[in-house]
Each structure stands twice: as structure tokens, then as C-alpha cells.
Amino acid sequence: MKRIAIIPNDGKDIGLGNTIRVAESLAGRAEIYMDKEYSVIERGVRFVSKDELCGICDAVVVLGGDGTILSVAAECAKKKTPVLGINLGKVGFMTEIEIGNMDDALTKLLSGEYETERRMMMRVERRSSEGLDVFHALNDVVTAKTAEVQLINVELFSDSQLVNRYTADGLIIATPTGSTGYSISAGGPVVDPNMSLFVATPICAHMLSVRSAVLSDRHKIRVRLDGTVSGGKGIITADGDVKGFMSAGDEIIITKSEYELELIKIGKQSFFETVIKKLS
């Protein structure tokens, strides 16, 4: 019998009705685990701390949108626990299962009728006056201006080679998975998620001509904050979470992570079919 963790987004699954449906569908066929905060659900679920879920289970079922998967991606990747996404959001590139197909998808999950798709992640070192901070991201890391400044100057390097200098609201460094997130909204390209590379896309650049840069994952990507515009105060986010601030001269170093996220693929729809369906 498999051990399955259920991780809901209770902001999207109001009243946890769909979460209860998943628990009831799995009951008697798998050991079900959830975070202790959902102990009111009962229905044969075993409750543990959130930090334990990815480590003790064979698979994780996430109910929500891509943002919900992003919130657990690093931990699941470190524990090599595959993730199945059930879409309760509007877009859902990674949460491929719709509610109407949920029961069939769960049956195939338990019987092993699925494939896994490995998604590249990035390792980020933030070097600042506050010290050294290291974290991992599935989608992107963003250096952006703070509310009190108008623009920031950002320098982008691949190893020691200067790629470009940007005067902009910020700079996005995205993985192929993240190419359909914030990056595409800023004018970046759509990238096949099975590739392994970085895409650098400026946000609202105050420049006559600017393009995204596609960079090798074999090189160290370095983003440095220059202080010549508006004091150079910046903020760093990874997969939408604030990680800290940057001052003039601070930098982040981005490399390919040793971890990969395994996404469970049950349907036959290709990535580009999904792009056309979701973004048309």
C-alpha cells in the first residue's frame, strides 16, 4: 500500500470539499497523510507535521494551482518525492489534473500507470551585507526595485563575462519551468521544460532596445546590483517568496541545483498543447 500525502490550498479549496473527496477516494487503498492543521478532516487520515510529509510518503497530491506546487517543490525535490497536481487555479501548467478527472487520476497513481517528468531547479546564493543565504527555486528568482525607488541598475554576468546592464524595475532569472510564469508576462520566451538552461528577462526596462538572454546552465549566473540609479535598493524573491534585500554591490549567484522536482504525468497532453490551451 502506498503512502500518499495530501497538501491542499485552503484558499482555493474553500471548505476543503475537494480535499475530502481525495481522502475518501484514497481511503482503504493507501495510507493518507496530512499536516496536523487539517486534523478536522479525519476520514482515516494520519496527521504529522508539515515538515515530515515529503519525507515519509511515496507521492504527494497537491490541490491548488502552480503556486501551491511551488510552495512544496524544494522540499519534495530534496526528498525525491514525486508530485501530482490537481488544478483548482486558473492556469495550471504543472497541476495538470482537472477536478472532473481526479478519481481516475488517483486510481492510475495507485496502480503505477503514470510517468514522471524531471524539472530542473536552480540553486541561489544571496551575498549581501547580511551575510550568505542559500535556497533553491523551481520557477525563478527575481531582483526587483523596492517601493521607495523608481528604477534599479542591474548587471548580469555569465561566469566572468558581462551579458548586459539593465536599467529597469528588475530582472527575472527563470528556469524552463518558470518560462511560462512571471518571465513570459515580461516578454520572455516559452521554453520546453525538459531543457536545462536559464532565461534572463528584464522587467519594464528603461532602454531603447532590450531582449531576453538565454544562458547556459553550465555557467554561474551572477546578478549584481549597481547603486548609480535611485540608491540601488532591491528586493529578492524566489518562486514568489521574499528572501531578502539587496544594496549597491550585493549580488546573487545562480547555478543549476543538484535537486530536480519529479512531476507525475498521467495525461497524454503535451507541454505545448497545454500552452496553447492555457494561454490562447
C-alpha atoms as a PDB file:
ATOM      1  CA  MET A   1       0.000   0.000   0.000  1.00  0.00           C
ATOM      2  CA  LYS A   2       1.342   3.401  -0.933  1.00  0.00           C
ATOM      3  CA  ARG A   3       1.788   6.302   1.411  1.00  0.00           C
ATOM      4  CA  ILE A   4       0.220   9.417  -0.085  1.00  0.00           C
ATOM      5  CA  ALA A   5       0.478  12.955   1.295  1.00  0.00           C
ATOM      6  CA  ILE A   6      -2.315  15.419   0.544  1.00  0.00           C
ATOM      7  CA  ILE A   7      -1.401  19.096   0.514  1.00  0.00           C
ATOM      8  CA  PRO A   8      -4.348  21.425  -0.147  1.00  0.00           C
ATOM      9  CA  ASN A   9      -4.543  25.129  -0.785  1.00  0.00           C
ATOM     10  CA  ASP A  10      -7.429  26.044   1.519  1.00  0.00           C
ATOM     11  CA  GLY A  11      -7.630  29.458  -0.130  1.00  0.00           C
ATOM     12  CA  LYS A  12      -8.696  27.749  -3.361  1.00  0.00           C
ATOM     13  CA  ASP A  13     -10.455  24.710  -1.884  1.00  0.00           C
ATOM     14  CA  ILE A  14     -12.888  26.645   0.282  1.00  0.00           C
ATOM     15  CA  GLY A  15     -14.324  24.353   2.945  1.00  0.00           C
ATOM     16  CA  LEU A  16     -11.866  21.636   1.831  1.00  0.00           C
ATOM     17  CA  GLY A  17     -14.584  19.820  -0.108  1.00  0.00           C
ATOM     18  CA  ASN A  18     -12.232  18.629  -2.861  1.00  0.00           C
ATOM     19  CA  THR A  19      -9.583  17.667  -0.322  1.00  0.00           C
ATOM     20  CA  ILE A  20     -12.129  15.486   1.459  1.00  0.00           C
ATOM     21  CA  ARG A  21     -13.035  13.907  -1.902  1.00  0.00           C
ATOM     22  CA  VAL A  22      -9.375  12.984  -2.456  1.00  0.00           C
ATOM     23  CA  ALA A  23      -9.095  11.499   1.042  1.00  0.00           C
ATOM     24  CA  GLU A  24     -12.278   9.477   0.530  1.00  0.00           C
ATOM     25  CA  SER A  25     -11.097   8.264  -2.882  1.00  0.00           C
ATOM     26  CA  LEU A  26      -7.788   7.064  -1.439  1.00  0.00           C
ATOM     27  CA  ALA A  27      -9.260   5.599   1.763  1.00  0.00           C
ATOM     28  CA  GLY A  28      -8.639   1.871   2.062  1.00  0.00           C
ATOM     29  CA  ARG A  29      -6.262   1.918  -0.896  1.00  0.00           C
ATOM     30  CA  ALA A  30      -3.384   3.921   0.577  1.00  0.00           C
ATOM     31  CA  GLU A  31      -2.068   5.326   3.820  1.00  0.00           C
ATOM     32  CA  ILE A  32      -3.030   9.001   3.767  1.00  0.00           C
ATOM     33  CA  TYR A  33      -1.016  11.724   5.491  1.00  0.00           C
ATOM     34  CA  MET A  34      -1.735  15.406   6.004  1.00  0.00           C
ATOM     35  CA  ASP A  35      -0.487  18.361   8.004  1.00  0.00           C
ATOM     36  CA  LYS A  36      -1.784  18.440  11.589  1.00  0.00           C
ATOM     37  CA  GLU A  37      -3.621  21.705  10.909  1.00  0.00           C
ATOM     38  CA  TYR A  38      -6.205  19.734   8.914  1.00  0.00           C
ATOM     39  CA  SER A  39      -6.978  17.219  11.666  1.00  0.00           C
ATOM     40  CA  VAL A  40     -10.700  18.086  11.492  1.00  0.00           C
ATOM     41  CA  ILE A  41     -10.917  16.095   8.248  1.00  0.00           C
ATOM     42  CA  GLU A  42     -10.491  12.645   9.892  1.00  0.00           C
ATOM     43  CA  ARG A  43     -11.588  10.017   7.264  1.00  0.00           C
ATOM     44  CA  GLY A  44      -8.722   7.701   8.129  1.00  0.00           C
ATOM     45  CA  VAL A  45      -6.048  10.350   7.560  1.00  0.00           C
ATOM     46  CA  ARG A  46      -2.867  10.246   9.630  1.00  0.00           C
ATOM     47  CA  PHE A  47      -1.624  13.643  10.739  1.00  0.00           C
ATOM     48  CA  VAL A  48       2.013  14.691  11.051  1.00  0.00           C
ATOM     49  CA  SER A  49       3.951  17.945  10.992  1.00  0.00           C
ATOM     50  CA  LYS A  50       4.181  19.659   7.607  1.00  0.00           C
ATOM     51  CA  ASP A  51       7.959  19.187   7.547  1.00  0.00           C
ATOM     52  CA  GLU A  52       7.564  15.404   7.663  1.00  0.00           C
ATOM     53  CA  LEU A  53       5.160  14.944   4.747  1.00  0.00           C
ATOM     54  CA  CYS A  54       7.578  14.759   1.807  1.00  0.00           C
ATOM     55  CA  GLY A  55       9.995  12.540   3.676  1.00  0.00           C
ATOM     56  CA  ILE A  56       7.645   9.745   4.737  1.00  0.00           C
ATOM     57  CA  CYS A  57       5.422   9.422   1.652  1.00  0.00           C
ATOM     58  CA  ASP A  58       5.774   7.790  -1.765  1.00  0.00           C
ATOM     59  CA  ALA A  59       3.962  10.629  -3.529  1.00  0.00           C
ATOM     60  CA  VAL A  60       2.387  13.991  -2.809  1.00  0.00           C
ATOM     61  CA  VAL A  61      -1.008  15.069  -4.149  1.00  0.00           C
ATOM     62  CA  VAL A  62      -1.311  18.850  -4.290  1.00  0.00           C
ATOM     63  CA  LEU A  63      -4.691  20.570  -4.659  1.00  0.00           C
ATOM     64  CA  GLY A  64      -4.425  24.162  -5.873  1.00  0.00           C
ATOM     65  CA  GLY A  65      -2.523  25.888  -8.629  1.00  0.00           C
ATOM     66  CA  ASP A  66       1.075  26.078  -9.739  1.00  0.00           C
ATOM     67  CA  GLY A  67       1.811  28.354  -6.783  1.00  0.00           C
ATOM     68  CA  THR A  68       0.836  25.566  -4.401  1.00  0.00           C
ATOM     69  CA  ILE A  69       3.294  23.219  -6.076  1.00  0.00           C
ATOM     70  CA  LEU A  70       5.984  25.910  -5.891  1.00  0.00           C
ATOM     71  CA  SER A  71       5.460  26.140  -2.128  1.00  0.00           C
ATOM     72  CA  VAL A  72       6.459  22.478  -1.662  1.00  0.00           C
ATOM     73  CA  ALA A  73       8.784  22.000  -4.652  1.00  0.00           C
ATOM     74  CA  ALA A  74      12.124  22.433  -2.889  1.00  0.00           C
ATOM     75  CA  GLU A  75      11.292  20.068  -0.031  1.00  0.00           C
ATOM     76  CA  CYS A  76       9.817  17.396  -2.326  1.00  0.00           C
ATOM     77  CA  ALA A  77      12.809  17.677  -4.658  1.00  0.00           C
ATOM     78  CA  LYS A  78      15.262  17.221  -1.780  1.00  0.00           C
ATOM     79  CA  LYS A  79      13.378  14.107  -0.628  1.00  0.00           C
ATOM     80  CA  LYS A  80      12.918  12.833  -4.233  1.00  0.00           C
ATOM     81  CA  THR A  81       9.165  12.575  -3.676  1.00  0.00           C
ATOM     82  CA  PRO A  82       7.094  12.909  -6.889  1.00  0.00           C
ATOM     83  CA  VAL A  83       4.178  15.346  -7.017  1.00  0.00           C
ATOM     84  CA  LEU A  84       0.755  15.057  -8.663  1.00  0.00           C
ATOM     85  CA  GLY A  85      -1.050  18.360  -9.129  1.00  0.00           C
ATOM     86  CA  ILE A  86      -4.850  18.700  -9.142  1.00  0.00           C
ATOM     87  CA  ASN A  87      -5.801  22.044 -10.644  1.00  0.00           C
ATOM     88  CA  LEU A  88      -8.002  24.388  -8.635  1.00  0.00           C
ATOM     89  CA  GLY A  89      -6.436  27.508 -10.172  1.00  0.00           C
ATOM     90  CA  LYS A  90      -6.968  29.386 -13.428  1.00  0.00           C
ATOM     91  CA  VAL A  91      -3.913  28.354 -15.449  1.00  0.00           C
ATOM     92  CA  GLY A  92      -2.092  25.355 -14.014  1.00  0.00           C
ATOM     93  CA  PHE A  93       0.860  24.318 -16.177  1.00  0.00           C
ATOM     94  CA  MET A  94       2.078  21.867 -13.530  1.00  0.00           C
ATOM     95  CA  THR A  95      -1.280  20.977 -11.958  1.00  0.00           C
ATOM     96  CA  GLU A  96      -2.424  19.020 -14.970  1.00  0.00           C
ATOM     97  CA  ILE A  97      -5.374  17.072 -13.469  1.00  0.00           C
ATOM     98  CA  GLU A  98      -8.773  18.765 -13.553  1.00  0.00           C
ATOM     99  CA  ILE A  99     -11.362  18.032 -10.862  1.00  0.00           C
ATOM    100  CA  GLY A 100     -13.550  16.023 -13.242  1.00  0.00           C
ATOM    101  CA  ASN A 101     -10.683  13.589 -13.906  1.00  0.00           C
ATOM    102  CA  MET A 102      -9.493  13.375 -10.318  1.00  0.00           C
ATOM    103  CA  ASP A 103     -10.790   9.904  -9.340  1.00  0.00           C
ATOM    104  CA  ASP A 104      -9.393   8.273 -12.480  1.00  0.00           C
ATOM    105  CA  ALA A 105      -6.042  10.007 -11.943  1.00  0.00           C
ATOM    106  CA  LEU A 106      -5.819   8.794  -8.344  1.00  0.00           C
ATOM    107  CA  THR A 107      -6.572   5.224  -9.431  1.00  0.00           C
ATOM    108  CA  LYS A 108      -3.774   5.398 -12.014  1.00  0.00           C
ATOM    109  CA  LEU A 109      -1.445   6.874  -9.420  1.00  0.00           C
ATOM    110  CA  LEU A 110      -2.024   3.940  -7.070  1.00  0.00           C
ATOM    111  CA  SER A 111      -1.657   1.363  -9.843  1.00  0.00           C
ATOM    112  CA  GLY A 112       1.538   2.930 -11.172  1.00  0.00           C
ATOM    113  CA  GLU A 113       0.033   3.935 -14.521  1.00  0.00           C
ATOM    114  CA  TYR A 114       1.967   7.158 -14.870  1.00  0.00           C
ATOM    115  CA  GLU A 115       5.259   8.666 -15.924  1.00  0.00           C
ATOM    116  CA  THR A 116       7.382  11.220 -14.123  1.00  0.00           C
ATOM    117  CA  GLU A 117       8.890  14.325 -15.652  1.00  0.00           C
ATOM    118  CA  ARG A 118      12.018  15.754 -14.043  1.00  0.00           C
ATOM    119  CA  ARG A 119      12.136  19.537 -13.797  1.00  0.00           C
ATOM    120  CA  MET A 120      15.386  21.457 -13.400  1.00  0.00           C
ATOM    121  CA  MET A 121      15.728  23.654 -10.333  1.00  0.00           C
ATOM    122  CA  MET A 122      18.139  26.478  -9.512  1.00  0.00           C
ATOM    123  CA  ARG A 123      20.429  26.990  -6.540  1.00  0.00           C
ATOM    124  CA  VAL A 124      20.709  30.602  -5.415  1.00  0.00           C
ATOM    125  CA  GLU A 125      23.336  32.203  -3.201  1.00  0.00           C
ATOM    126  CA  ARG A 126      22.460  35.666  -1.916  1.00  0.00           C
ATOM    127  CA  ARG A 127      25.579  37.541  -0.921  1.00  0.00           C
ATOM    128  CA  SER A 128      24.919  40.769   0.920  1.00  0.00           C
ATOM    129  CA  SER A 129      25.860  42.810   3.960  1.00  0.00           C
ATOM    130  CA  GLU A 130      23.507  40.485   5.874  1.00  0.00           C
ATOM    131  CA  GLY A 131      25.748  37.512   5.048  1.00  0.00           C
ATOM    132  CA  LEU A 132      25.322  34.437   2.831  1.00  0.00           C
ATOM    133  CA  ASP A 133      21.932  32.824   2.248  1.00  0.00           C
ATOM    134  CA  VAL A 134      21.320  29.716   0.082  1.00  0.00           C
ATOM    135  CA  PHE A 135      17.994  28.488  -1.273  1.00  0.00           C
ATOM    136  CA  HIS A 136      16.522  26.538  -4.183  1.00  0.00           C
ATOM    137  CA  ALA A 137      13.788  27.544  -6.632  1.00  0.00           C
ATOM    138  CA  LEU A 138      11.780  25.767  -9.318  1.00  0.00           C
ATOM    139  CA  ASN A 139      10.435  28.736 -11.292  1.00  0.00           C
ATOM    140  CA  ASP A 140      12.536  31.855 -10.916  1.00  0.00           C
ATOM    141  CA  VAL A 141      14.495  34.287  -8.814  1.00  0.00           C
ATOM    142  CA  VAL A 142      13.707  37.979  -9.229  1.00  0.00           C
ATOM    143  CA  THR A 143      15.752  41.040  -8.348  1.00  0.00           C
ATOM    144  CA  ALA A 144      13.326  43.960  -8.226  1.00  0.00           C
ATOM    145  CA  LYS A 145      13.170  47.556  -7.082  1.00  0.00           C
ATOM    146  CA  THR A 146      11.640  48.393  -3.735  1.00  0.00           C
ATOM    147  CA  ALA A 147       8.622  50.681  -3.406  1.00  0.00           C
ATOM    148  CA  GLU A 148      10.666  53.739  -2.490  1.00  0.00           C
ATOM    149  CA  VAL A 149      12.828  53.748  -5.664  1.00  0.00           C
ATOM    150  CA  GLN A 150      11.880  54.287  -9.303  1.00  0.00           C
ATOM    151  CA  LEU A 151      14.438  52.111 -11.096  1.00  0.00           C
ATOM    152  CA  ILE A 152      17.444  49.950 -10.339  1.00  0.00           C
ATOM    153  CA  ASN A 153      20.619  49.227 -12.295  1.00  0.00           C
ATOM    154  CA  VAL A 154      21.359  45.517 -12.587  1.00  0.00           C
ATOM    155  CA  GLU A 155      24.441  43.873 -14.089  1.00  0.00           C
ATOM    156  CA  LEU A 156      24.169  40.329 -15.462  1.00  0.00           C
ATOM    157  CA  PHE A 157      27.201  38.046 -15.836  1.00  0.00           C
ATOM    158  CA  SER A 158      27.651  34.510 -17.177  1.00  0.00           C
ATOM    159  CA  ASP A 159      30.740  33.320 -15.312  1.00  0.00           C
ATOM    160  CA  SER A 160      33.002  36.360 -15.601  1.00  0.00           C
ATOM    161  CA  GLN A 161      31.527  37.627 -18.889  1.00  0.00           C
ATOM    162  CA  LEU A 162      29.230  40.642 -18.768  1.00  0.00           C
ATOM    163  CA  VAL A 163      25.960  39.820 -20.568  1.00  0.00           C
ATOM    164  CA  ASN A 164      24.153  43.144 -20.157  1.00  0.00           C
ATOM    165  CA  ARG A 165      23.399  46.075 -17.905  1.00  0.00           C
ATOM    166  CA  TYR A 166      19.741  46.845 -17.306  1.00  0.00           C
ATOM    167  CA  THR A 167      18.033  49.971 -16.038  1.00  0.00           C
ATOM    168  CA  ALA A 168      14.652  48.541 -15.135  1.00  0.00           C
ATOM    169  CA  ASP A 169      12.122  47.644 -12.485  1.00  0.00           C
ATOM    170  CA  GLY A 170      14.014  44.408 -12.066  1.00  0.00           C
ATOM    171  CA  LEU A 171      15.427  41.251 -13.641  1.00  0.00           C
ATOM    172  CA  ILE A 172      13.949  37.736 -13.760  1.00  0.00           C
ATOM    173  CA  ILE A 173      16.167  34.658 -13.974  1.00  0.00           C
ATOM    174  CA  ALA A 174      13.886  31.746 -14.855  1.00  0.00           C
ATOM    175  CA  THR A 175      14.234  28.003 -15.404  1.00  0.00           C
ATOM    176  CA  PRO A 176      12.443  26.382 -18.349  1.00  0.00           C
ATOM    177  CA  THR A 177       9.567  25.579 -15.968  1.00  0.00           C
ATOM    178  CA  GLY A 178       9.459  29.235 -14.911  1.00  0.00           C
ATOM    179  CA  SER A 179       9.441  30.478 -18.511  1.00  0.00           C
ATOM    180  CA  THR A 180       5.623  30.323 -18.523  1.00  0.00           C
ATOM    181  CA  GLY A 181       5.342  32.278 -15.250  1.00  0.00           C
ATOM    182  CA  TYR A 182       6.452  35.830 -14.483  1.00  0.00           C
ATOM    183  CA  SER A 183       9.037  35.648 -17.278  1.00  0.00           C
ATOM    184  CA  ILE A 184       6.502  35.275 -20.090  1.00  0.00           C
ATOM    185  CA  SER A 185       4.487  38.192 -18.668  1.00  0.00           C
ATOM    186  CA  ALA A 186       7.630  40.324 -19.006  1.00  0.00           C
ATOM    187  CA  GLY A 187       8.112  39.298 -22.640  1.00  0.00           C
ATOM    188  CA  GLY A 188      10.326  36.245 -22.186  1.00  0.00           C
ATOM    189  CA  PRO A 189      10.239  33.156 -24.440  1.00  0.00           C
ATOM    190  CA  VAL A 190       8.369  29.894 -23.842  1.00  0.00           C
ATOM    191  CA  VAL A 191      10.910  27.129 -23.182  1.00  0.00           C
ATOM    192  CA  ASP A 192      10.393  23.373 -23.317  1.00  0.00           C
ATOM    193  CA  PRO A 193      10.524  22.318 -19.619  1.00  0.00           C
ATOM    194  CA  ASN A 194      12.659  19.288 -20.486  1.00  0.00           C
ATOM    195  CA  MET A 195      15.538  21.579 -21.427  1.00  0.00           C
ATOM    196  CA  SER A 196      18.219  22.728 -18.988  1.00  0.00           C
ATOM    197  CA  LEU A 197      19.100  26.429 -19.185  1.00  0.00           C
ATOM    198  CA  PHE A 198      18.359  29.861 -17.725  1.00  0.00           C
ATOM    199  CA  VAL A 199      16.357  32.730 -19.213  1.00  0.00           C
ATOM    200  CA  ALA A 200      17.133  36.306 -18.120  1.00  0.00           C
ATOM    201  CA  THR A 201      14.297  38.775 -18.755  1.00  0.00           C
ATOM    202  CA  PRO A 202      14.240  42.418 -17.604  1.00  0.00           C
ATOM    203  CA  ILE A 203      11.075  43.915 -16.107  1.00  0.00           C
ATOM    204  CA  CYS A 204       9.887  47.189 -17.672  1.00  0.00           C
ATOM    205  CA  ALA A 205      13.375  48.141 -18.884  1.00  0.00           C
ATOM    206  CA  HIS A 206      14.039  51.860 -19.391  1.00  0.00           C
ATOM    207  CA  MET A 207      16.057  51.162 -22.539  1.00  0.00           C
ATOM    208  CA  LEU A 208      15.532  51.613 -26.282  1.00  0.00           C
ATOM    209  CA  SER A 209      16.293  48.010 -27.131  1.00  0.00           C
ATOM    210  CA  VAL A 210      16.218  45.038 -24.801  1.00  0.00           C
ATOM    211  CA  ARG A 211      15.729  41.284 -25.229  1.00  0.00           C
ATOM    212  CA  SER A 212      15.716  38.211 -23.052  1.00  0.00           C
ATOM    213  CA  ALA A 213      19.009  36.337 -22.818  1.00  0.00           C
ATOM    214  CA  VAL A 214      19.183  32.527 -22.891  1.00  0.00           C
ATOM    215  CA  LEU A 215      22.111  31.331 -20.761  1.00  0.00           C
ATOM    216  CA  SER A 216      23.884  28.015 -20.256  1.00  0.00           C
ATOM    217  CA  ASP A 217      23.228  26.146 -17.024  1.00  0.00           C
ATOM    218  CA  ARG A 218      26.883  25.072 -17.057  1.00  0.00           C
ATOM    219  CA  HIS A 219      27.922  28.596 -16.098  1.00  0.00           C
ATOM    220  CA  LYS A 220      27.484  30.590 -12.917  1.00  0.00           C
ATOM    221  CA  ILE A 221      24.904  33.318 -13.442  1.00  0.00           C
ATOM    222  CA  ARG A 222      25.689  36.396 -11.398  1.00  0.00           C
ATOM    223  CA  VAL A 223      23.295  39.314 -10.832  1.00  0.00           C
ATOM    224  CA  ARG A 224      24.856  42.373  -9.232  1.00  0.00           C
ATOM    225  CA  LEU A 225      23.059  45.479  -8.036  1.00  0.00           C
ATOM    226  CA  ASP A 226      24.649  48.751  -9.146  1.00  0.00           C
ATOM    227  CA  GLY A 227      23.902  51.787  -6.973  1.00  0.00           C
ATOM    228  CA  THR A 228      24.015  54.502  -9.636  1.00  0.00           C
ATOM    229  CA  VAL A 229      20.219  54.784 -10.002  1.00  0.00           C
ATOM    230  CA  SER A 230      17.879  55.775  -7.148  1.00  0.00           C
ATOM    231  CA  GLY A 231      20.204  54.474  -4.438  1.00  0.00           C
ATOM    232  CA  GLY A 232      20.157  50.917  -5.782  1.00  0.00           C
ATOM    233  CA  LYS A 233      17.865  49.318  -3.188  1.00  0.00           C
ATOM    234  CA  GLY A 234      16.448  45.967  -4.298  1.00  0.00           C
ATOM    235  CA  ILE A 235      14.412  43.020  -3.078  1.00  0.00           C
ATOM    236  CA  ILE A 236      14.966  39.322  -3.868  1.00  0.00           C
ATOM    237  CA  THR A 237      12.131  36.842  -4.368  1.00  0.00           C
ATOM    238  CA  ALA A 238      12.310  33.150  -5.257  1.00  0.00           C
ATOM    239  CA  ASP A 239       9.191  31.413  -6.561  1.00  0.00           C
ATOM    240  CA  GLY A 240       7.248  34.410  -5.261  1.00  0.00           C
ATOM    241  CA  ASP A 241       8.610  34.311  -1.699  1.00  0.00           C
ATOM    242  CA  VAL A 242      10.633  37.251  -0.378  1.00  0.00           C
ATOM    243  CA  LYS A 243      14.154  36.106   0.505  1.00  0.00           C
ATOM    244  CA  GLY A 244      15.754  39.398   1.488  1.00  0.00           C
ATOM    245  CA  PHE A 245      17.015  42.764   0.295  1.00  0.00           C
ATOM    246  CA  MET A 246      19.977  43.950  -1.747  1.00  0.00           C
ATOM    247  CA  SER A 247      22.036  47.119  -1.545  1.00  0.00           C
ATOM    248  CA  ALA A 248      24.548  48.524  -4.029  1.00  0.00           C
ATOM    249  CA  GLY A 249      27.306  45.982  -4.662  1.00  0.00           C
ATOM    250  CA  ASP A 250      25.320  42.993  -3.365  1.00  0.00           C
ATOM    251  CA  GLU A 251      24.855  40.053  -5.707  1.00  0.00           C
ATOM    252  CA  ILE A 252      23.229  36.685  -6.203  1.00  0.00           C
ATOM    253  CA  ILE A 253      24.919  33.646  -7.744  1.00  0.00           C
ATOM    254  CA  ILE A 254      22.675  31.211  -9.615  1.00  0.00           C
ATOM    255  CA  THR A 255      23.662  27.687 -10.637  1.00  0.00           C
ATOM    256  CA  LYS A 256      21.852  24.524 -11.611  1.00  0.00           C
ATOM    257  CA  SER A 257      20.599  22.825  -8.458  1.00  0.00           C
ATOM    258  CA  GLU A 258      21.587  19.271  -7.585  1.00  0.00           C
ATOM    259  CA  TYR A 259      17.860  18.685  -6.973  1.00  0.00           C
ATOM    260  CA  GLU A 260      15.133  18.074  -9.550  1.00  0.00           C
ATOM    261  CA  LEU A 261      11.384  18.051  -8.992  1.00  0.00           C
ATOM    262  CA  GLU A 262       9.577  14.946 -10.243  1.00  0.00           C
ATOM    263  CA  LEU A 263       6.122  15.770 -11.610  1.00  0.00           C
ATOM    264  CA  ILE A 264       3.691  12.895 -12.069  1.00  0.00           C
ATOM    265  CA  LYS A 265       2.260  12.881 -15.598  1.00  0.00           C
ATOM    266  CA  ILE A 266      -0.908  10.881 -16.160  1.00  0.00           C
ATOM    267  CA  GLY A 267      -2.468  12.536 -19.201  1.00  0.00           C
ATOM    268  CA  LYS A 268      -1.059  12.430 -22.731  1.00  0.00           C
ATOM    269  CA  GLN A 269      -1.357  16.168 -23.405  1.00  0.00           C
ATOM    270  CA  SER A 270       1.982  17.662 -24.420  1.00  0.00           C
ATOM    271  CA  PHE A 271       3.516  20.780 -22.881  1.00  0.00           C
ATOM    272  CA  PHE A 272       2.885  22.862 -25.991  1.00  0.00           C
ATOM    273  CA  GLU A 273      -0.729  21.671 -26.227  1.00  0.00           C
ATOM    274  CA  THR A 274      -1.071  22.892 -22.643  1.00  0.00           C
ATOM    275  CA  VAL A 275       0.498  26.253 -23.534  1.00  0.00           C
ATOM    276  CA  ILE A 276      -1.937  26.732 -26.419  1.00  0.00           C
ATOM    277  CA  LYS A 277      -4.898  25.702 -24.255  1.00  0.00           C
ATOM    278  CA  LYS A 278      -3.971  27.841 -21.259  1.00  0.00           C
ATOM    279  CA  LEU A 279      -2.676  30.986 -22.980  1.00  0.00           C
ATOM    280  CA  SER A 280      -4.859  31.289 -26.085  1.00  0.00           C
END
